[in-house]
Amino acid sequence: MNIPLPFTEDKYAWIVICVISFFLWIALSRLLRWIVHKR
């Protein structure tokens, strides 16, 4: 699939992607921890 990514032209794109993935990682870890402690 040759789909042009929206952040390829941006200079700070990798910083934005790293920040977004970092917050997604925190949210997923909190959600999984909540599911584990709920039982």
N, C-alpha and C. Protein backbone atom coordinates (compact mmCIF):
# COMPACT_ATOMS: atom_id res chain seq x y z
N MET A 1 0.84 -1.19 0.00
CA MET A 1 0.00 0.00 0.00
C MET A 1 0.89 1.25 0.00
N ASN A 2 0.80 2.03 -1.03
CA ASN A 2 1.60 3.25 -1.12
C ASN A 2 0.73 4.45 -0.77
N ILE A 3 0.50 4.62 0.52
CA ILE A 3 -0.30 5.75 0.99
C ILE A 3 0.64 6.79 1.57
N PRO A 4 0.60 8.03 1.11
CA PRO A 4 1.47 9.06 1.68
C PRO A 4 1.07 9.39 3.11
N LEU A 5 2.04 9.33 3.99
CA LEU A 5 1.76 9.63 5.39
C LEU A 5 1.61 11.13 5.59
N PRO A 6 0.77 11.55 6.53
CA PRO A 6 0.54 12.99 6.70
C PRO A 6 1.72 13.72 7.32
N PHE A 7 2.63 13.01 8.00
CA PHE A 7 3.72 13.69 8.71
C PHE A 7 5.06 13.60 8.00
N THR A 8 5.08 13.19 6.73
CA THR A 8 6.37 12.99 6.07
C THR A 8 7.05 14.31 5.75
N GLU A 9 6.30 15.38 5.54
CA GLU A 9 6.89 16.67 5.16
C GLU A 9 7.23 17.52 6.38
N ASP A 10 6.69 17.16 7.54
CA ASP A 10 6.89 17.99 8.72
C ASP A 10 8.26 17.74 9.32
N LYS A 11 8.91 18.82 9.79
CA LYS A 11 10.25 18.69 10.34
C LYS A 11 10.22 18.07 11.74
N TYR A 12 9.17 18.39 12.49
CA TYR A 12 9.06 17.88 13.86
C TYR A 12 8.14 16.67 13.94
N ALA A 13 7.99 15.96 12.84
CA ALA A 13 7.02 14.87 12.79
C ALA A 13 7.40 13.75 13.74
N TRP A 14 8.69 13.41 13.82
CA TRP A 14 9.08 12.28 14.67
C TRP A 14 8.89 12.62 16.14
N ILE A 15 9.02 13.91 16.50
CA ILE A 15 8.77 14.29 17.89
C ILE A 15 7.29 14.12 18.22
N VAL A 16 6.43 14.56 17.30
CA VAL A 16 4.98 14.44 17.51
C VAL A 16 4.59 12.98 17.61
N ILE A 17 5.14 12.15 16.72
CA ILE A 17 4.80 10.72 16.73
C ILE A 17 5.29 10.07 18.02
N CYS A 18 6.48 10.44 18.48
CA CYS A 18 7.00 9.87 19.73
C CYS A 18 6.14 10.28 20.92
N VAL A 19 5.70 11.53 20.96
CA VAL A 19 4.87 12.00 22.08
C VAL A 19 3.52 11.30 22.07
N ILE A 20 2.92 11.17 20.88
CA ILE A 20 1.61 10.52 20.80
C ILE A 20 1.71 9.05 21.18
N SER A 21 2.75 8.36 20.71
CA SER A 21 2.90 6.94 21.05
C SER A 21 3.22 6.78 22.54
N PHE A 22 3.95 7.75 23.13
CA PHE A 22 4.25 7.69 24.56
C PHE A 22 2.97 7.80 25.38
N PHE A 23 2.09 8.75 25.01
CA PHE A 23 0.83 8.88 25.75
C PHE A 23 -0.08 7.69 25.52
N LEU A 24 -0.07 7.12 24.31
CA LEU A 24 -0.85 5.91 24.06
C LEU A 24 -0.34 4.76 24.90
N TRP A 25 0.99 4.65 25.04
CA TRP A 25 1.60 3.59 25.86
C TRP A 25 1.16 3.73 27.31
N ILE A 26 1.17 4.96 27.84
CA ILE A 26 0.75 5.19 29.23
C ILE A 26 -0.72 4.84 29.40
N ALA A 27 -1.55 5.26 28.46
CA ALA A 27 -2.99 4.99 28.57
C ALA A 27 -3.26 3.49 28.52
N LEU A 28 -2.58 2.77 27.62
CA LEU A 28 -2.79 1.33 27.53
C LEU A 28 -2.31 0.61 28.78
N SER A 29 -1.18 1.05 29.33
CA SER A 29 -0.67 0.39 30.54
C SER A 29 -1.59 0.64 31.72
N ARG A 30 -2.14 1.85 31.82
CA ARG A 30 -3.08 2.13 32.91
C ARG A 30 -4.36 1.32 32.74
N LEU A 31 -4.83 1.20 31.51
CA LEU A 31 -6.05 0.43 31.26
C LEU A 31 -5.85 -1.04 31.61
N LEU A 32 -4.72 -1.60 31.18
CA LEU A 32 -4.44 -3.01 31.48
C LEU A 32 -4.26 -3.22 32.98
N ARG A 33 -3.60 -2.28 33.66
CA ARG A 33 -3.40 -2.41 35.10
C ARG A 33 -4.74 -2.34 35.82
N TRP A 34 -5.66 -1.47 35.34
CA TRP A 34 -6.98 -1.36 35.94
C TRP A 34 -7.77 -2.65 35.75
N ILE A 35 -7.66 -3.26 34.56
CA ILE A 35 -8.36 -4.51 34.30
C ILE A 35 -7.82 -5.62 35.19
N VAL A 36 -6.50 -5.65 35.39
CA VAL A 36 -5.89 -6.70 36.21
C VAL A 36 -6.29 -6.53 37.67
N HIS A 37 -6.28 -5.31 38.18
CA HIS A 37 -6.60 -5.08 39.60
C HIS A 37 -8.09 -5.16 39.87
N LYS A 38 -8.90 -5.11 38.83
CA LYS A 38 -10.35 -5.16 39.01
C LYS A 38 -10.79 -6.55 39.46
N ARG A 39 -10.05 -7.58 39.07
CA ARG A 39 -10.46 -8.95 39.39
C ARG A 39 -10.19 -9.28 40.85
